[in-house]
Amino acid sequence: MINLLVKDLHPGMIAAQSVYDRNGDSVLVRGNPLTEEHIRQFDEMGLPELTVVSTNTNASFAPPADILKETTRADAFHQVYETFRVLEETGELAPDTLTPTAEAILTDVLENRENLVQLTDILMNDDYIFGHSVNVAALSALLGSLCDLSGAELITLTMGALLHDIGKLIVPKDILTKADQLSSREMYIIRMHPEAGRIKLSTLPTPSAKILATIAGQHHEHLDGHGYPDHLMGDQIHRFSRIVAIADVYDALTSARAYKPAYRPHIAYKIMTKCSPGQFDERLLKLFFDTVAIYPVGTVLKTTMGYAVVKKVSFGQTQTPTVCVFGDLSGDALEHPFTINLSKCAPDTITSVLEEMDLTPLMFRMHVDPALFLKE
């Protein structure tokens, strides 16, 4: 897989991510080839970049399977969009309309747990909240399913994740989409959204109102007390809130925003595990990254053996994927590429992940497209 700026896309390239417009309508389904019309639409939408299977316009292999069906993701986006729109216009919130959405997400996650999280969908920056809510719900359902929760608890968790950011409706859109650094006043307004969400959800006429409100109010709390809005610590933070907090930060880091590009999964992993001590529940965080591909299929690595492309990632071994080594350390193509599971190698075998600016010249020098080695 390779992440390209829209200006560098060409018809025939296979999309590794789906694209939706601001109304939640599908523009392009992952696994399908790009056309001139797609690229024109991306430019009009202000879409900055897209992940494709290969720069080779003749490549015909599919991207890794998603944990959500395309129809489930699109329907969920529509339903969240409509729920938030009605709330914004009328002040009324009917959470029961989201129950079928939560159930569909959970069904997909439980059926596809063997499909490690590889990539997420692409949405316009100004409608980030809706796609983000769906992604966080899927990630939360996945993590919750590994925590021996009951079916009813998983539905409540998924519902809470869908609604966790509902308090952002009080935040002006120009603040949510601001590309520059926020002022102290703007940051204060942003930090009001958990409490706004908690207040709104606590009034719902549903038995799960209290826990839904708790998730919304606590998803920015840190276990060490340095979160907000109430600086809760340890066991003061509900376990569902801890789950949603992890999913929320991961999706925020790996999604493009007005003020930052999308970080690659291995960068998100380092930030969340190394740079944020005390923020997350460490047991849940380990479990989460056991099922999220730190090096997604198609990632090109520089290793102590040479250049390699990730072919397979397995649960619990996301730091040691199976790779095909196709180039030597000098950047020359191997006459006989070989496949190896990095769990059989030294812990520091991976030395770096190639970014697009380094991968393109390497491919040109070798006359080799690493994506070709993804075929069995």
Protein backbone atom coordinates (compact mmCIF):
# COMPACT_ATOMS: atom_id res chain seq x y z
CA MET A 1 0.00 0.00 0.00
CA ILE A 2 1.16 3.52 -0.71
CA ASN A 3 -0.29 6.83 0.39
CA LEU A 4 -0.38 9.37 -2.45
CA LEU A 5 -1.36 13.00 -2.76
CA VAL A 6 -4.44 13.42 -4.93
CA LYS A 7 -2.34 15.16 -7.58
CA ASP A 8 -0.22 12.01 -7.89
CA LEU A 9 -3.14 9.63 -8.42
CA HIS A 10 -3.76 8.06 -11.83
CA PRO A 11 -6.75 6.25 -13.33
CA GLY A 12 -6.49 2.49 -12.89
CA MET A 13 -4.86 2.57 -9.44
CA ILE A 14 -6.75 0.39 -6.94
CA ALA A 15 -8.10 2.25 -3.90
CA ALA A 16 -7.20 0.79 -0.51
CA GLN A 17 -9.64 3.13 1.24
CA SER A 18 -13.23 4.13 0.63
CA VAL A 19 -14.23 7.72 0.02
CA TYR A 20 -17.51 9.32 1.06
CA ASP A 21 -18.85 12.78 0.32
CA ARG A 22 -20.13 15.18 2.96
CA ASN A 23 -23.61 13.60 2.84
CA GLY A 24 -22.23 10.13 3.53
CA ASP A 25 -22.75 8.97 -0.04
CA SER A 26 -20.12 6.65 -1.45
CA VAL A 27 -17.77 8.21 -3.99
CA LEU A 28 -15.41 5.25 -4.27
CA VAL A 29 -15.43 1.79 -2.69
CA ARG A 30 -12.10 0.34 -1.57
CA GLY A 31 -10.80 -2.33 -3.93
CA ASN A 32 -12.10 -0.55 -7.04
CA PRO A 33 -9.99 1.23 -9.67
CA LEU A 34 -9.77 5.01 -9.84
CA THR A 35 -11.15 6.94 -12.79
CA GLU A 36 -10.52 10.49 -13.99
CA GLU A 37 -13.92 11.41 -12.53
CA HIS A 38 -12.94 10.08 -9.08
CA ILE A 39 -9.76 12.13 -9.05
CA ARG A 40 -11.66 15.24 -10.14
CA GLN A 41 -14.18 14.70 -7.32
CA PHE A 42 -11.40 14.25 -4.76
CA ASP A 43 -9.90 17.56 -5.83
CA GLU A 44 -13.27 19.31 -5.53
CA MET A 45 -13.84 17.76 -2.09
CA GLY A 46 -10.50 19.00 -0.85
CA LEU A 47 -9.38 15.45 -0.14
CA PRO A 48 -5.62 15.67 0.52
CA GLU A 49 -4.50 12.10 -0.12
CA LEU A 50 -5.56 8.51 -0.65
CA THR A 51 -4.01 5.12 0.04
CA VAL A 52 -3.82 2.88 -3.03
CA VAL A 53 -2.81 -0.75 -3.36
CA SER A 54 -0.03 0.10 -5.79
CA THR A 55 1.26 2.82 -8.08
CA ASN A 56 0.96 0.21 -10.83
CA THR A 57 -2.24 0.95 -12.74
CA ASN A 58 -2.40 -2.68 -13.85
CA ALA A 59 -2.32 -4.12 -10.32
CA SER A 60 -5.47 -6.16 -9.74
CA PHE A 61 -5.17 -7.47 -6.16
CA ALA A 62 -7.54 -6.36 -3.42
CA PRO A 63 -6.68 -4.45 -0.23
CA PRO A 64 -6.87 -6.23 3.15
CA ALA A 65 -10.37 -7.06 4.37
CA ASP A 66 -12.05 -4.50 6.61
CA ILE A 67 -13.71 -5.27 9.96
CA LEU A 68 -16.88 -3.53 8.70
CA LYS A 69 -18.81 -4.31 5.56
CA GLU A 70 -18.97 -1.40 3.16
CA THR A 71 -22.76 -1.22 3.46
CA THR A 72 -22.55 -1.23 7.28
CA ARG A 73 -20.04 1.62 7.32
CA ALA A 74 -22.01 3.72 4.84
CA ASP A 75 -25.34 3.09 6.60
CA ALA A 76 -23.78 3.92 9.97
CA PHE A 77 -22.37 7.18 8.65
CA HIS A 78 -25.80 8.15 7.29
CA GLN A 79 -27.53 7.32 10.56
CA VAL A 80 -25.04 9.18 12.75
CA TYR A 81 -25.16 12.14 10.37
CA GLU A 82 -28.97 12.21 10.52
CA THR A 83 -29.07 11.78 14.31
CA PHE A 84 -26.67 14.66 14.86
CA ARG A 85 -28.48 16.83 12.27
CA VAL A 86 -31.85 16.38 13.94
CA LEU A 87 -30.35 17.13 17.35
CA GLU A 88 -28.68 20.26 16.05
CA GLU A 89 -31.88 21.51 14.39
CA THR A 90 -34.50 20.50 16.96
CA GLY A 91 -32.64 19.81 20.18
CA GLU A 92 -34.18 16.34 20.20
CA LEU A 93 -32.19 13.13 20.34
CA ALA A 94 -33.72 9.74 19.65
CA PRO A 95 -30.99 7.24 20.63
CA ASP A 96 -33.13 4.22 19.74
CA THR A 97 -32.67 5.09 16.05
CA LEU A 98 -29.00 4.23 16.50
CA THR A 99 -29.63 0.81 18.09
CA PRO A 100 -29.84 -1.04 14.74
CA THR A 101 -26.65 0.76 13.69
CA ALA A 102 -24.83 -0.36 16.82
CA GLU A 103 -26.11 -3.90 16.32
CA ALA A 104 -24.94 -3.99 12.69
CA ILE A 105 -21.48 -2.70 13.63
CA LEU A 106 -21.18 -5.26 16.43
CA THR A 107 -22.35 -8.10 14.16
CA ASP A 108 -19.69 -7.23 11.57
CA VAL A 109 -16.98 -6.93 14.19
CA LEU A 110 -17.81 -10.28 15.76
CA GLU A 111 -17.93 -11.97 12.36
CA ASN A 112 -14.67 -10.40 11.17
CA ARG A 113 -12.48 -10.42 14.26
CA GLU A 114 -9.84 -12.33 12.33
CA ASN A 115 -9.48 -9.28 10.05
CA LEU A 116 -7.06 -7.11 11.95
CA VAL A 117 -7.66 -3.38 11.71
CA GLN A 118 -5.65 -2.26 8.68
CA LEU A 119 -7.07 0.98 7.35
CA THR A 120 -10.02 3.27 7.90
CA ASP A 121 -12.27 5.16 5.55
CA ILE A 122 -11.60 8.64 4.23
CA LEU A 123 -13.96 11.54 4.91
CA MET A 124 -13.90 15.27 4.35
CA ASN A 125 -12.23 17.22 7.17
CA ASP A 126 -15.33 19.30 7.95
CA ASP A 127 -17.43 16.19 8.49
CA TYR A 128 -14.75 14.38 10.46
CA ILE A 129 -17.01 13.95 13.50
CA PHE A 130 -19.42 11.57 11.74
CA GLY A 131 -16.85 9.22 10.22
CA HIS A 132 -14.82 9.43 13.42
CA SER A 133 -17.85 8.33 15.46
CA VAL A 134 -18.33 5.26 13.25
CA ASN A 135 -14.64 4.34 13.37
CA VAL A 136 -14.49 4.74 17.16
CA ALA A 137 -17.61 2.59 17.49
CA ALA A 138 -16.06 -0.20 15.39
CA LEU A 139 -12.74 -0.04 17.27
CA SER A 140 -14.50 0.06 20.65
CA ALA A 141 -16.71 -2.89 19.74
CA LEU A 142 -13.62 -4.81 18.64
CA LEU A 143 -11.72 -4.10 21.86
CA GLY A 144 -14.82 -4.70 23.98
CA SER A 145 -15.36 -8.08 22.32
CA LEU A 146 -11.97 -9.15 23.67
CA CYS A 147 -12.92 -8.20 27.23
CA ASP A 148 -15.61 -10.85 27.93
CA LEU A 149 -18.44 -8.32 27.86
CA SER A 150 -21.99 -9.58 27.45
CA GLY A 151 -23.97 -8.94 24.28
CA ALA A 152 -26.02 -6.23 25.99
CA GLU A 153 -22.88 -4.57 27.33
CA LEU A 154 -21.29 -4.60 23.87
CA ILE A 155 -24.35 -2.91 22.36
CA THR A 156 -24.26 -0.22 25.07
CA LEU A 157 -20.51 0.26 24.55
CA THR A 158 -20.96 0.59 20.79
CA MET A 159 -23.84 3.04 21.25
CA GLY A 160 -21.74 5.07 23.67
CA ALA A 161 -18.90 5.17 21.16
CA LEU A 162 -21.24 6.35 18.39
CA LEU A 163 -22.41 9.18 20.66
CA HIS A 164 -19.17 9.95 22.52
CA ASP A 165 -18.50 13.18 20.62
CA ILE A 166 -22.06 14.47 20.47
CA GLY A 167 -21.03 17.36 22.70
CA LYS A 168 -18.98 18.74 19.81
CA LEU A 169 -22.21 20.09 18.36
CA ILE A 170 -21.73 23.05 20.70
CA VAL A 171 -18.32 23.79 19.16
CA PRO A 172 -18.33 26.19 16.19
CA LYS A 173 -17.24 24.45 12.98
CA ASP A 174 -14.53 27.05 12.34
CA ILE A 175 -12.85 25.91 15.56
CA LEU A 176 -13.23 22.20 14.78
CA THR A 177 -11.66 22.68 11.33
CA LYS A 178 -9.09 25.33 12.21
CA ALA A 179 -5.73 24.54 10.62
CA ASP A 180 -3.71 26.80 12.92
CA GLN A 181 -2.98 26.41 16.61
CA LEU A 182 -6.01 26.99 18.81
CA SER A 183 -6.08 29.98 21.15
CA SER A 184 -6.58 29.40 24.86
CA ARG A 185 -10.22 30.48 24.48
CA GLU A 186 -10.78 28.09 21.57
CA MET A 187 -9.15 25.26 23.50
CA TYR A 188 -11.45 26.01 26.42
CA ILE A 189 -14.47 25.73 24.13
CA ILE A 190 -13.21 22.44 22.68
CA ARG A 191 -12.72 21.06 26.19
CA MET A 192 -16.35 21.79 27.04
CA HIS A 193 -17.62 19.08 24.70
CA PRO A 194 -17.35 16.05 27.06
CA GLU A 195 -19.47 17.80 29.69
CA ALA A 196 -21.94 19.03 27.07
CA GLY A 197 -22.30 15.48 25.80
CA ARG A 198 -22.71 14.10 29.31
CA ILE A 199 -25.49 16.57 30.12
CA LYS A 200 -27.36 15.88 26.90
CA LEU A 201 -27.16 12.09 27.12
CA SER A 202 -28.04 11.96 30.82
CA THR A 203 -31.55 13.24 30.00
CA LEU A 204 -32.37 10.48 27.51
CA PRO A 205 -35.45 8.35 28.25
CA THR A 206 -33.53 5.08 28.01
CA PRO A 207 -32.16 2.66 30.64
CA SER A 208 -28.65 3.08 29.26
CA ALA A 209 -28.68 6.89 29.56
CA LYS A 210 -26.37 6.94 32.58
CA ILE A 211 -23.62 4.85 30.99
CA LEU A 212 -23.94 6.65 27.63
CA ALA A 213 -23.54 9.95 29.45
CA THR A 214 -20.59 8.59 31.42
CA ILE A 215 -18.76 7.56 28.23
CA ALA A 216 -19.30 10.98 26.66
CA GLY A 217 -18.18 12.76 29.81
CA GLN A 218 -15.11 10.64 30.51
CA HIS A 219 -13.55 9.81 27.12
CA HIS A 220 -10.84 12.47 27.59
CA GLU A 221 -9.97 11.52 31.16
CA HIS A 222 -6.53 10.00 31.82
CA LEU A 223 -5.78 7.34 34.38
CA ASP A 224 -3.12 9.57 35.95
CA GLY A 225 -5.59 12.41 36.50
CA HIS A 226 -4.19 14.71 33.80
CA GLY A 227 -7.22 14.46 31.53
CA TYR A 228 -10.36 16.58 31.41
CA PRO A 229 -12.92 17.79 32.32
CA ASP A 230 -12.88 16.39 35.89
CA HIS A 231 -9.28 15.10 36.25
CA LEU A 232 -10.57 11.68 37.28
CA MET A 233 -8.05 8.98 38.19
CA GLY A 234 -7.80 5.21 38.01
CA ASP A 235 -10.97 3.38 38.99
CA GLN A 236 -12.95 6.62 38.90
CA ILE A 237 -12.99 6.18 35.13
CA HIS A 238 -15.54 3.64 33.86
CA ARG A 239 -14.13 0.67 31.93
CA PHE A 240 -16.25 1.55 28.88
CA SER A 241 -14.82 5.07 28.93
CA ARG A 242 -11.31 3.60 29.02
CA ILE A 243 -12.07 1.53 25.93
CA VAL A 244 -13.57 4.43 24.00
CA ALA A 245 -10.66 6.68 25.02
CA ILE A 246 -8.19 4.33 23.31
CA ALA A 247 -10.29 4.01 20.15
CA ASP A 248 -10.86 7.78 20.07
CA VAL A 249 -7.18 8.71 20.22
CA TYR A 250 -6.09 6.03 17.76
CA ASP A 251 -8.60 7.11 15.13
CA ALA A 252 -7.77 10.79 15.70
CA LEU A 253 -4.07 10.09 15.20
CA THR A 254 -4.51 7.97 12.08
CA SER A 255 -7.04 10.30 10.40
CA ALA A 256 -6.17 13.41 8.39
CA ARG A 257 -7.40 16.60 10.03
CA ALA A 258 -7.37 20.24 9.00
CA TYR A 259 -4.37 20.85 11.26
CA LYS A 260 -2.39 17.64 10.71
CA PRO A 261 -1.82 14.76 8.28
CA ALA A 262 -2.82 11.19 9.08
CA TYR A 263 -0.14 9.44 11.12
CA ARG A 264 0.86 5.93 10.09
CA PRO A 265 -0.22 3.18 12.54
CA HIS A 266 3.32 2.56 13.81
CA ILE A 267 3.60 6.25 14.73
CA ALA A 268 0.23 6.12 16.52
CA TYR A 269 1.48 3.03 18.35
CA LYS A 270 4.62 4.83 19.53
CA ILE A 271 2.69 7.90 20.63
CA MET A 272 0.12 5.90 22.56
CA THR A 273 2.50 3.39 24.17
CA LYS A 274 5.68 5.39 24.64
CA CYS A 275 4.79 9.07 24.72
CA SER A 276 1.64 9.02 26.84
CA PRO A 277 2.51 7.18 30.08
CA GLY A 278 -0.36 7.20 32.52
CA GLN A 279 -2.98 8.16 29.96
CA PHE A 280 -4.45 4.77 29.06
CA ASP A 281 -5.30 1.50 30.76
CA GLU A 282 -2.15 -0.48 29.87
CA ARG A 283 -3.89 -3.87 29.78
CA LEU A 284 -6.52 -2.58 27.36
CA LEU A 285 -3.90 -0.77 25.30
CA LYS A 286 -1.87 -3.96 24.83
CA LEU A 287 -5.00 -5.86 23.86
CA PHE A 288 -5.91 -3.12 21.40
CA PHE A 289 -2.57 -3.24 19.62
CA ASP A 290 -2.73 -7.02 19.55
CA THR A 291 -5.58 -6.63 17.06
CA VAL A 292 -4.59 -3.43 15.22
CA ALA A 293 -1.98 -3.82 12.49
CA ILE A 294 0.96 -1.67 13.54
CA TYR A 295 2.49 -2.47 10.15
CA PRO A 296 -0.49 -2.98 7.81
CA VAL A 297 -0.30 -5.34 4.86
CA GLY A 298 1.58 -3.62 2.04
CA THR A 299 3.78 -1.52 4.33
CA VAL A 300 7.37 -1.39 3.07
CA LEU A 301 10.00 -1.79 5.79
CA LYS A 302 13.73 -1.43 5.98
CA THR A 303 15.05 -4.34 8.02
CA THR A 304 18.44 -5.67 9.02
CA MET A 305 17.99 -8.21 6.19
CA GLY A 306 17.08 -5.65 3.54
CA TYR A 307 13.91 -4.09 2.18
CA ALA A 308 10.68 -5.99 2.82
CA VAL A 309 6.93 -5.67 2.30
CA VAL A 310 4.41 -6.83 4.91
CA LYS A 311 2.37 -9.79 3.63
CA LYS A 312 0.45 -10.91 6.70
CA VAL A 313 -0.28 -9.70 10.22
CA SER A 314 -1.61 -12.03 12.93
CA PHE A 315 -3.40 -11.35 16.21
CA GLY A 316 -0.93 -10.91 19.05
CA GLN A 317 2.00 -10.64 16.62
CA THR A 318 1.35 -7.19 15.18
CA GLN A 319 4.93 -6.08 15.89
CA THR A 320 6.35 -9.08 14.04
CA PRO A 321 4.45 -9.53 10.77
CA THR A 322 5.24 -11.96 7.99
CA VAL A 323 7.20 -10.13 5.28
CA CYS A 324 8.71 -10.74 1.87
CA VAL A 325 12.29 -9.48 1.67
CA PHE A 326 12.75 -8.27 -1.91
CA GLY A 327 15.79 -5.97 -1.78
CA ASP A 328 19.23 -5.93 -0.17
CA LEU A 329 20.53 -3.26 2.17
CA SER A 330 22.11 -1.39 -0.76
CA GLY A 331 18.71 -0.95 -2.39
CA ASP A 332 19.18 -3.52 -5.15
CA ALA A 333 16.48 -6.06 -5.97
CA LEU A 334 17.10 -9.62 -4.78
CA GLU A 335 17.27 -12.30 -7.43
CA HIS A 336 15.43 -14.63 -5.06
CA PRO A 337 13.03 -12.77 -2.70
CA PHE A 338 12.09 -14.76 0.40
CA THR A 339 9.27 -14.76 2.94
CA ILE A 340 9.90 -14.84 6.68
CA ASN A 341 7.95 -14.32 9.89
CA LEU A 342 9.72 -11.62 11.91
CA SER A 343 8.80 -13.37 15.17
CA LYS A 344 11.70 -15.71 14.31
CA CYS A 345 14.12 -12.78 14.08
CA ALA A 346 15.81 -10.45 16.55
CA PRO A 347 13.54 -7.87 18.22
CA ASP A 348 15.21 -4.95 16.42
CA THR A 349 14.98 -6.43 12.91
CA ILE A 350 12.72 -3.57 11.69
CA THR A 351 14.82 -0.43 11.45
CA SER A 352 12.35 1.93 9.75
CA VAL A 353 9.15 2.29 7.76
CA LEU A 354 9.54 3.78 4.31
CA GLU A 355 7.56 6.92 3.66
CA GLU A 356 6.23 7.71 0.21
CA MET A 357 9.07 10.14 -0.57
CA ASP A 358 11.59 7.32 -0.05
CA LEU A 359 9.54 4.47 -1.48
CA THR A 360 9.02 5.97 -4.93
CA PRO A 361 12.72 6.38 -5.78
CA LEU A 362 13.46 2.91 -4.34
CA MET A 363 10.86 1.38 -6.65
CA PHE A 364 12.33 3.30 -9.59
CA ARG A 365 15.85 2.09 -8.79
CA MET A 366 14.85 -1.55 -8.32
CA HIS A 367 12.33 -1.63 -11.17
CA VAL A 368 10.16 -3.51 -8.70
CA ASP A 369 6.72 -2.78 -7.27
CA PRO A 370 6.64 -4.24 -3.70
CA ALA A 371 2.89 -4.79 -4.05
CA LEU A 372 3.62 -7.59 -6.53
CA PHE A 373 4.92 -9.70 -3.63
CA LEU A 374 1.55 -9.58 -1.86
CA LYS A 375 0.23 -12.24 -4.21
CA GLU A 376 0.45 -15.74 -2.81
